N, C-alpha and C. Protein backbone atom coordinates (compact mmCIF):
# COMPACT_ATOMS: atom_id res chain seq x y z
N MET A 1 239.92 68.26 123.67
CA MET A 1 240.20 68.00 125.08
C MET A 1 241.21 66.89 125.20
N ASN A 2 242.04 67.01 126.16
CA ASN A 2 242.97 65.92 126.46
C ASN A 2 242.16 64.86 127.16
N GLU A 3 242.03 63.70 126.53
CA GLU A 3 241.13 62.67 127.02
C GLU A 3 241.56 62.14 128.38
N ARG A 4 242.83 62.08 128.64
CA ARG A 4 243.32 61.48 129.89
C ARG A 4 243.07 62.37 131.10
N GLU A 5 243.11 63.67 130.89
CA GLU A 5 243.01 64.56 132.05
C GLU A 5 241.76 65.43 132.03
N GLY A 6 241.06 65.44 130.90
CA GLY A 6 239.87 66.28 130.81
C GLY A 6 240.23 67.75 130.64
N LEU A 7 241.47 68.05 130.21
CA LEU A 7 241.90 69.44 130.04
C LEU A 7 241.79 69.82 128.56
N PRO A 8 241.43 71.07 128.27
CA PRO A 8 241.34 71.49 126.87
C PRO A 8 242.75 71.59 126.27
N VAL A 9 242.87 71.12 125.06
CA VAL A 9 244.13 71.23 124.33
C VAL A 9 243.87 72.12 123.13
N GLN A 10 244.56 73.25 123.08
CA GLN A 10 244.36 74.17 121.97
C GLN A 10 245.38 73.86 120.90
N ARG A 11 244.88 73.70 119.69
CA ARG A 11 245.79 73.56 118.55
C ARG A 11 245.91 74.93 117.91
N VAL A 12 247.10 75.19 117.41
CA VAL A 12 247.33 76.46 116.75
C VAL A 12 247.40 76.20 115.27
N GLY A 13 246.44 76.72 114.54
CA GLY A 13 246.45 76.56 113.09
C GLY A 13 247.38 77.56 112.44
N ARG A 14 247.64 77.39 111.17
CA ARG A 14 248.55 78.29 110.48
C ARG A 14 248.02 79.72 110.49
N GLY A 15 246.75 79.86 110.43
CA GLY A 15 246.18 81.20 110.45
C GLY A 15 246.43 81.90 111.77
N GLN A 16 246.54 81.12 112.87
CA GLN A 16 246.75 81.74 114.17
C GLN A 16 248.22 82.00 114.43
N ALA A 17 249.07 81.02 114.12
CA ALA A 17 250.48 81.15 114.48
C ALA A 17 251.29 81.79 113.39
N GLY A 18 250.83 81.78 112.16
CA GLY A 18 251.66 82.29 111.06
C GLY A 18 251.28 83.69 110.69
N GLN A 19 252.26 84.43 110.26
CA GLN A 19 251.98 85.75 109.74
C GLN A 19 251.61 85.60 108.28
N ALA A 20 251.53 86.70 107.53
CA ALA A 20 251.06 86.64 106.16
C ALA A 20 251.90 85.70 105.31
N GLY A 21 253.21 85.61 105.53
CA GLY A 21 254.08 84.76 104.74
C GLY A 21 254.11 83.33 105.22
N GLY A 22 253.38 82.97 106.27
CA GLY A 22 253.34 81.61 106.75
C GLY A 22 254.33 81.33 107.87
N LYS A 23 255.18 82.26 108.23
CA LYS A 23 256.16 82.05 109.30
C LYS A 23 255.65 82.70 110.59
N PRO A 24 255.75 81.99 111.71
CA PRO A 24 255.33 82.60 112.98
C PRO A 24 256.24 83.74 113.37
N LYS A 25 255.66 84.75 113.99
CA LYS A 25 256.45 85.87 114.50
C LYS A 25 257.07 85.47 115.83
N LYS A 26 258.03 86.26 116.29
CA LYS A 26 258.73 85.96 117.53
C LYS A 26 257.74 85.86 118.69
N GLU A 27 256.78 86.79 118.74
CA GLU A 27 255.80 86.76 119.82
C GLU A 27 254.96 85.49 119.76
N GLN A 28 254.64 85.06 118.55
CA GLN A 28 253.83 83.85 118.39
C GLN A 28 254.64 82.61 118.77
N ILE A 29 255.93 82.65 118.51
CA ILE A 29 256.79 81.54 118.94
C ILE A 29 256.80 81.48 120.46
N GLU A 30 256.86 82.64 121.09
CA GLU A 30 256.83 82.68 122.55
C GLU A 30 255.51 82.12 123.08
N VAL A 31 254.40 82.41 122.37
CA VAL A 31 253.10 81.87 122.75
C VAL A 31 253.13 80.34 122.61
N LEU A 32 253.70 79.86 121.52
CA LEU A 32 253.79 78.40 121.32
C LEU A 32 254.63 77.77 122.43
N LEU A 33 255.74 78.40 122.78
CA LEU A 33 256.59 77.86 123.85
C LEU A 33 255.84 77.87 125.18
N ALA A 34 255.07 78.92 125.42
CA ALA A 34 254.29 78.98 126.65
C ALA A 34 253.24 77.86 126.67
N ARG A 35 252.63 77.60 125.53
CA ARG A 35 251.65 76.51 125.47
C ARG A 35 252.32 75.16 125.71
N MET A 36 253.53 75.01 125.17
CA MET A 36 254.27 73.77 125.40
C MET A 36 254.58 73.62 126.89
N GLU A 37 254.96 74.72 127.51
CA GLU A 37 255.20 74.70 128.96
C GLU A 37 253.94 74.29 129.71
N ASP A 38 252.82 74.88 129.30
CA ASP A 38 251.54 74.54 129.95
C ASP A 38 251.21 73.07 129.77
N MET A 39 251.48 72.54 128.57
CA MET A 39 251.21 71.12 128.31
C MET A 39 252.04 70.26 129.25
N VAL A 40 253.31 70.61 129.40
CA VAL A 40 254.18 69.82 130.27
C VAL A 40 253.76 70.01 131.73
N GLY A 41 253.46 71.24 132.10
CA GLY A 41 253.09 71.53 133.48
C GLY A 41 251.78 70.88 133.90
N SER A 42 250.86 70.75 132.96
CA SER A 42 249.57 70.18 133.32
C SER A 42 249.45 68.71 132.95
N ALA A 43 250.53 68.13 132.45
CA ALA A 43 250.49 66.72 132.04
C ALA A 43 250.35 65.80 133.24
N ARG A 44 249.70 64.68 133.01
CA ARG A 44 249.49 63.69 134.06
C ARG A 44 250.82 62.99 134.35
N ASN A 45 251.13 62.83 135.62
CA ASN A 45 252.36 62.16 136.04
C ASN A 45 252.22 60.65 135.86
N VAL A 46 253.34 60.03 135.51
CA VAL A 46 253.40 58.57 135.46
C VAL A 46 253.69 58.10 136.89
N PRO A 47 252.92 57.17 137.40
CA PRO A 47 253.11 56.74 138.79
C PRO A 47 254.54 56.26 139.06
N LEU A 48 255.06 56.62 140.22
CA LEU A 48 256.36 56.20 140.71
C LEU A 48 257.52 56.66 139.82
N SER A 49 257.36 57.81 139.16
CA SER A 49 258.46 58.37 138.37
C SER A 49 258.27 59.87 138.24
N ASP A 50 259.27 60.51 137.72
CA ASP A 50 259.17 61.95 137.49
C ASP A 50 258.77 62.24 136.04
N LYS A 51 258.30 61.24 135.34
CA LYS A 51 257.88 61.37 133.94
C LYS A 51 256.41 61.77 133.88
N CYS A 52 256.03 62.28 132.69
CA CYS A 52 254.63 62.66 132.51
C CYS A 52 254.16 62.22 131.13
N VAL A 53 252.86 62.24 130.92
CA VAL A 53 252.25 61.82 129.67
C VAL A 53 251.78 63.07 128.93
N ILE A 54 252.29 63.21 127.70
CA ILE A 54 251.94 64.36 126.86
C ILE A 54 251.52 63.83 125.50
N SER A 55 250.58 64.47 124.89
CA SER A 55 250.13 64.07 123.56
C SER A 55 251.27 64.29 122.56
N ARG A 56 251.70 63.21 121.96
CA ARG A 56 252.81 63.28 121.01
C ARG A 56 252.45 64.17 119.82
N ASP A 57 251.24 63.99 119.30
CA ASP A 57 250.82 64.79 118.14
C ASP A 57 250.82 66.28 118.46
N ASP A 58 250.26 66.62 119.62
CA ASP A 58 250.22 68.03 120.00
C ASP A 58 251.62 68.60 120.16
N MET A 59 252.51 67.86 120.81
CA MET A 59 253.86 68.36 121.05
C MET A 59 254.62 68.47 119.72
N LEU A 60 254.48 67.47 118.85
CA LEU A 60 255.16 67.53 117.55
C LEU A 60 254.64 68.69 116.71
N PHE A 61 253.34 68.93 116.80
CA PHE A 61 252.76 70.06 116.08
C PHE A 61 253.36 71.37 116.57
N MET A 62 253.43 71.53 117.89
CA MET A 62 254.00 72.76 118.46
C MET A 62 255.47 72.91 118.06
N LEU A 63 256.21 71.82 118.10
CA LEU A 63 257.63 71.88 117.72
C LEU A 63 257.80 72.26 116.26
N ARG A 64 256.92 71.73 115.39
CA ARG A 64 256.99 72.11 113.97
C ARG A 64 256.72 73.60 113.80
N MET A 65 255.78 74.11 114.54
CA MET A 65 255.46 75.53 114.44
C MET A 65 256.63 76.38 114.91
N VAL A 66 257.29 75.96 115.99
CA VAL A 66 258.46 76.70 116.48
C VAL A 66 259.56 76.64 115.43
N ARG A 67 259.80 75.45 114.88
CA ARG A 67 260.86 75.29 113.87
C ARG A 67 260.59 76.18 112.66
N GLU A 68 259.33 76.27 112.25
CA GLU A 68 258.98 77.14 111.13
C GLU A 68 259.27 78.60 111.44
N GLY A 69 259.27 78.93 112.71
CA GLY A 69 259.49 80.31 113.10
C GLY A 69 260.94 80.67 113.33
N LEU A 70 261.84 79.71 113.15
CA LEU A 70 263.26 80.03 113.34
C LEU A 70 263.66 81.11 112.35
N PRO A 71 264.63 81.92 112.72
CA PRO A 71 265.01 83.05 111.85
C PRO A 71 265.45 82.59 110.47
N GLU A 72 265.04 83.34 109.48
CA GLU A 72 265.43 83.05 108.11
C GLU A 72 266.93 83.21 107.94
N GLU A 73 267.56 83.95 108.84
CA GLU A 73 269.00 84.15 108.76
C GLU A 73 269.77 82.84 108.81
N LEU A 74 269.18 81.82 109.44
CA LEU A 74 269.85 80.52 109.51
C LEU A 74 270.02 79.94 108.11
N SER A 75 268.95 79.94 107.32
CA SER A 75 269.08 79.42 105.95
C SER A 75 269.91 80.38 105.10
N GLN A 76 269.83 81.67 105.38
CA GLN A 76 270.65 82.62 104.65
C GLN A 76 272.12 82.40 104.94
N ALA A 77 272.46 82.08 106.16
CA ALA A 77 273.86 81.84 106.52
C ALA A 77 274.38 80.61 105.79
N LYS A 78 273.56 79.55 105.72
CA LYS A 78 273.97 78.36 104.97
C LYS A 78 274.19 78.70 103.50
N TRP A 79 273.27 79.45 102.94
CA TRP A 79 273.40 79.86 101.55
C TRP A 79 274.66 80.70 101.37
N LEU A 80 274.91 81.60 102.30
CA LEU A 80 276.07 82.48 102.22
C LEU A 80 277.37 81.69 102.28
N LEU A 81 277.43 80.69 103.12
CA LEU A 81 278.63 79.86 103.19
C LEU A 81 278.87 79.14 101.87
N GLU A 82 277.81 78.66 101.26
CA GLU A 82 277.94 77.99 99.96
C GLU A 82 278.41 78.99 98.90
N GLN A 83 277.85 80.18 98.92
CA GLN A 83 278.27 81.22 97.98
C GLN A 83 279.74 81.58 98.20
N ASN A 84 280.15 81.63 99.45
CA ASN A 84 281.54 81.94 99.79
C ASN A 84 282.46 80.89 99.18
N LYS A 85 282.10 79.61 99.32
CA LYS A 85 282.90 78.53 98.73
C LYS A 85 282.97 78.68 97.22
N GLN A 86 281.85 79.01 96.60
CA GLN A 86 281.83 79.16 95.15
C GLN A 86 282.70 80.34 94.70
N LEU A 87 282.63 81.46 95.44
CA LEU A 87 283.45 82.62 95.10
C LEU A 87 284.93 82.29 95.19
N ILE A 88 285.31 81.59 96.23
CA ILE A 88 286.71 81.21 96.41
C ILE A 88 287.15 80.28 95.28
N ALA A 89 286.30 79.32 94.93
CA ALA A 89 286.62 78.40 93.83
C ALA A 89 286.77 79.16 92.52
N GLU A 90 285.87 80.09 92.26
CA GLU A 90 285.97 80.89 91.04
C GLU A 90 287.22 81.74 91.03
N ALA A 91 287.57 82.33 92.17
CA ALA A 91 288.78 83.14 92.25
C ALA A 91 290.02 82.27 92.00
N ARG A 92 290.02 81.07 92.54
CA ARG A 92 291.14 80.15 92.29
C ARG A 92 291.24 79.79 90.81
N LYS A 93 290.09 79.48 90.20
CA LYS A 93 290.09 79.14 88.78
C LYS A 93 290.62 80.31 87.96
N GLU A 94 290.18 81.52 88.30
CA GLU A 94 290.65 82.70 87.57
C GLU A 94 292.14 82.89 87.77
N ALA A 95 292.61 82.70 89.00
CA ALA A 95 294.05 82.83 89.27
C ALA A 95 294.83 81.78 88.49
N GLU A 96 294.32 80.54 88.45
CA GLU A 96 295.00 79.49 87.67
C GLU A 96 295.01 79.82 86.20
N SER A 97 293.91 80.35 85.70
CA SER A 97 293.84 80.75 84.30
C SER A 97 294.85 81.84 84.00
N ILE A 98 294.94 82.79 84.87
CA ILE A 98 295.91 83.88 84.69
C ILE A 98 297.33 83.33 84.73
N MET A 99 297.57 82.38 85.65
CA MET A 99 298.90 81.77 85.73
C MET A 99 299.23 81.00 84.44
N ARG A 100 298.29 80.24 83.92
CA ARG A 100 298.53 79.50 82.67
C ARG A 100 298.82 80.47 81.53
N ASP A 101 298.04 81.56 81.49
CA ASP A 101 298.27 82.57 80.45
C ASP A 101 299.66 83.18 80.59
N ALA A 102 300.05 83.47 81.81
CA ALA A 102 301.37 84.06 82.04
C ALA A 102 302.48 83.07 81.66
N GLU A 103 302.30 81.79 82.01
CA GLU A 103 303.30 80.78 81.67
C GLU A 103 303.42 80.61 80.15
N ALA A 104 302.29 80.61 79.47
CA ALA A 104 302.31 80.49 78.01
C ALA A 104 303.01 81.69 77.38
N GLN A 105 302.70 82.85 77.87
CA GLN A 105 303.32 84.06 77.34
C GLN A 105 304.82 84.05 77.61
N THR A 106 305.22 83.61 78.77
CA THR A 106 306.64 83.53 79.12
C THR A 106 307.36 82.54 78.20
N ALA A 107 306.75 81.40 77.93
CA ALA A 107 307.36 80.40 77.05
C ALA A 107 307.57 80.96 75.64
N ARG A 108 306.65 81.75 75.15
CA ARG A 108 306.78 82.33 73.81
C ARG A 108 307.90 83.36 73.76
N MET A 109 308.13 84.02 74.82
CA MET A 109 309.09 85.14 74.82
C MET A 109 310.48 84.74 75.33
N ILE A 110 310.66 83.47 75.66
CA ILE A 110 311.88 83.04 76.31
C ILE A 110 313.12 83.18 75.42
N ASP A 111 312.96 83.21 74.10
CA ASP A 111 314.09 83.28 73.18
C ASP A 111 314.90 84.58 73.32
N GLU A 112 314.29 85.63 73.57
CA GLU A 112 314.98 86.92 73.63
C GLU A 112 315.10 87.37 75.08
N HIS A 113 316.31 87.83 75.44
CA HIS A 113 316.59 88.20 76.82
C HIS A 113 315.72 89.37 77.30
N GLU A 114 315.65 90.42 76.55
CA GLU A 114 314.86 91.59 76.95
C GLU A 114 313.38 91.23 77.02
N VAL A 115 312.93 90.48 76.06
CA VAL A 115 311.53 90.05 76.02
C VAL A 115 311.24 89.14 77.21
N THR A 116 312.22 88.28 77.56
CA THR A 116 312.05 87.36 78.68
C THR A 116 311.89 88.14 79.99
N GLN A 117 312.73 89.16 80.16
CA GLN A 117 312.62 89.97 81.38
C GLN A 117 311.26 90.67 81.46
N GLN A 118 310.82 91.18 80.33
CA GLN A 118 309.51 91.85 80.28
C GLN A 118 308.40 90.85 80.64
N ALA A 119 308.49 89.65 80.10
CA ALA A 119 307.46 88.63 80.37
C ALA A 119 307.43 88.27 81.85
N ARG A 120 308.57 88.13 82.45
CA ARG A 120 308.63 87.82 83.88
C ARG A 120 307.98 88.92 84.71
N MET A 121 308.26 90.16 84.35
CA MET A 121 307.67 91.28 85.09
C MET A 121 306.14 91.28 84.94
N GLU A 122 305.67 91.07 83.71
CA GLU A 122 304.23 91.06 83.49
C GLU A 122 303.56 89.88 84.20
N ALA A 123 304.21 88.73 84.14
CA ALA A 123 303.65 87.56 84.83
C ALA A 123 303.57 87.80 86.32
N SER A 124 304.60 88.40 86.86
CA SER A 124 304.60 88.70 88.30
C SER A 124 303.49 89.68 88.65
N GLU A 125 303.32 90.70 87.82
CA GLU A 125 302.25 91.68 88.06
C GLU A 125 300.87 91.03 87.96
N MET A 126 300.71 90.18 86.97
CA MET A 126 299.43 89.49 86.80
C MET A 126 299.14 88.59 88.01
N LEU A 127 300.18 87.90 88.47
CA LEU A 127 300.01 87.04 89.63
C LEU A 127 299.65 87.85 90.87
N GLN A 128 300.32 88.95 91.07
CA GLN A 128 300.02 89.82 92.22
C GLN A 128 298.59 90.36 92.13
N GLN A 129 298.20 90.75 90.93
CA GLN A 129 296.83 91.26 90.76
C GLN A 129 295.81 90.16 91.05
N ALA A 130 296.06 88.96 90.55
CA ALA A 130 295.14 87.85 90.78
C ALA A 130 295.07 87.50 92.26
N GLN A 131 296.21 87.47 92.91
CA GLN A 131 296.22 87.17 94.35
C GLN A 131 295.53 88.26 95.15
N ALA A 132 295.77 89.52 94.79
CA ALA A 132 295.12 90.63 95.50
C ALA A 132 293.61 90.56 95.30
N GLN A 133 293.19 90.28 94.08
CA GLN A 133 291.76 90.18 93.79
C GLN A 133 291.14 89.00 94.54
N SER A 134 291.82 87.87 94.54
CA SER A 134 291.33 86.70 95.26
C SER A 134 291.23 86.99 96.75
N THR A 135 292.24 87.62 97.30
CA THR A 135 292.24 87.95 98.73
C THR A 135 291.11 88.91 99.06
N GLU A 136 290.90 89.90 98.23
CA GLU A 136 289.84 90.87 98.48
C GLU A 136 288.47 90.20 98.44
N ILE A 137 288.24 89.36 97.44
CA ILE A 137 286.96 88.65 97.34
C ILE A 137 286.75 87.78 98.57
N ARG A 138 287.78 87.03 98.96
CA ARG A 138 287.68 86.15 100.12
C ARG A 138 287.40 86.95 101.39
N GLU A 139 288.14 88.05 101.59
CA GLU A 139 287.95 88.85 102.81
C GLU A 139 286.55 89.45 102.88
N ASN A 140 286.07 89.95 101.75
CA ASN A 140 284.72 90.52 101.73
C ASN A 140 283.68 89.46 102.02
N ALA A 141 283.83 88.28 101.43
CA ALA A 141 282.88 87.21 101.67
C ALA A 141 282.91 86.75 103.12
N VAL A 142 284.09 86.65 103.69
CA VAL A 142 284.23 86.23 105.08
C VAL A 142 283.63 87.27 106.02
N GLN A 143 283.87 88.55 105.77
CA GLN A 143 283.30 89.60 106.62
C GLN A 143 281.78 89.58 106.56
N TYR A 144 281.23 89.42 105.38
CA TYR A 144 279.79 89.36 105.23
C TYR A 144 279.23 88.16 105.98
N ALA A 145 279.87 87.00 105.80
CA ALA A 145 279.43 85.78 106.48
C ALA A 145 279.51 85.95 107.99
N LYS A 146 280.59 86.57 108.48
CA LYS A 146 280.73 86.79 109.93
C LYS A 146 279.60 87.65 110.46
N GLY A 147 279.26 88.69 109.73
CA GLY A 147 278.17 89.57 110.17
C GLY A 147 276.85 88.82 110.28
N ILE A 148 276.52 88.05 109.25
CA ILE A 148 275.28 87.27 109.25
C ILE A 148 275.31 86.25 110.38
N LEU A 149 276.43 85.54 110.53
CA LEU A 149 276.53 84.50 111.56
C LEU A 149 276.49 85.11 112.96
N ASN A 150 277.09 86.29 113.16
CA ASN A 150 277.04 86.94 114.47
C ASN A 150 275.60 87.32 114.81
N ASP A 151 274.87 87.86 113.83
CA ASP A 151 273.46 88.20 114.07
C ASP A 151 272.66 86.94 114.40
N LEU A 152 272.88 85.89 113.64
CA LEU A 152 272.19 84.64 113.86
C LEU A 152 272.54 84.06 115.23
N ASP A 153 273.82 84.12 115.60
CA ASP A 153 274.26 83.61 116.90
C ASP A 153 273.56 84.37 118.03
N LYS A 154 273.46 85.68 117.87
CA LYS A 154 272.80 86.49 118.89
C LYS A 154 271.33 86.09 119.06
N GLN A 155 270.64 85.93 117.93
CA GLN A 155 269.23 85.56 117.98
C GLN A 155 269.04 84.16 118.56
N LEU A 156 269.86 83.22 118.12
CA LEU A 156 269.72 81.86 118.62
C LEU A 156 270.08 81.77 120.10
N THR A 157 271.07 82.57 120.53
CA THR A 157 271.44 82.59 121.94
C THR A 157 270.28 83.11 122.78
N GLU A 158 269.64 84.16 122.30
CA GLU A 158 268.49 84.69 123.03
C GLU A 158 267.38 83.64 123.14
N MET A 159 267.14 82.93 122.04
CA MET A 159 266.11 81.89 122.07
C MET A 159 266.51 80.76 123.01
N LEU A 160 267.77 80.37 122.99
CA LEU A 160 268.25 79.29 123.85
C LEU A 160 268.14 79.68 125.32
N VAL A 161 268.52 80.92 125.64
CA VAL A 161 268.40 81.38 127.03
C VAL A 161 266.94 81.35 127.46
N TYR A 162 266.05 81.77 126.60
CA TYR A 162 264.63 81.77 126.91
C TYR A 162 264.14 80.34 127.14
N ILE A 163 264.54 79.43 126.25
CA ILE A 163 264.11 78.03 126.38
C ILE A 163 264.67 77.41 127.66
N LYS A 164 265.95 77.66 127.96
CA LYS A 164 266.55 77.12 129.18
C LYS A 164 265.88 77.68 130.42
N LYS A 165 265.56 78.98 130.40
CA LYS A 165 264.89 79.58 131.54
C LYS A 165 263.54 78.91 131.75
N ASN A 166 262.81 78.73 130.65
CA ASN A 166 261.50 78.10 130.76
C ASN A 166 261.62 76.64 131.18
N ASN A 167 262.61 75.97 130.67
CA ASN A 167 262.85 74.57 131.08
C ASN A 167 263.18 74.51 132.57
N LYS A 168 264.01 75.44 133.03
CA LYS A 168 264.36 75.47 134.46
C LYS A 168 263.13 75.76 135.31
N ASP A 169 262.31 76.66 134.81
CA ASP A 169 261.08 76.98 135.53
C ASP A 169 260.16 75.76 135.64
N LEU A 170 260.23 74.89 134.65
CA LEU A 170 259.40 73.70 134.66
C LEU A 170 259.89 72.66 135.67
N GLN A 171 261.14 72.70 135.99
CA GLN A 171 261.70 71.69 136.91
C GLN A 171 261.48 72.04 138.31
């Protein structure tokens, strides 16, 4: 019970708010948000202000439960961005390695005119292949990241609209 107002305060345990994997489902997050709204709506007003008194522990508990229920796509997007950076770094290293190999090969063949021309052509082809491969890897990684981030943006926007609506309803 809330000691100050004599109102019952329900705590949501992991067994109630979490699904089998320990993460709350969307519906359960909505229940938690509704309980938070009820806590704010039924909270005792502070005299001569528009402020109210809410149990810090209860509110922090509810917020932790909501945070645990955030879409896994958020952490996946962070991981994906890191993977994207690593792929680009690896592609650059590979391109630099190919360039060093091409330069070394060109230096060895520089003595003979025909051999020099052949080396230049091969180096150019190797460079084009490395650049094309690097571009393809980067584009694929960026497209994948955009897809994940767009899905995440859509979900977070829906949650934000819901929270703002509920916040507006509270005012």
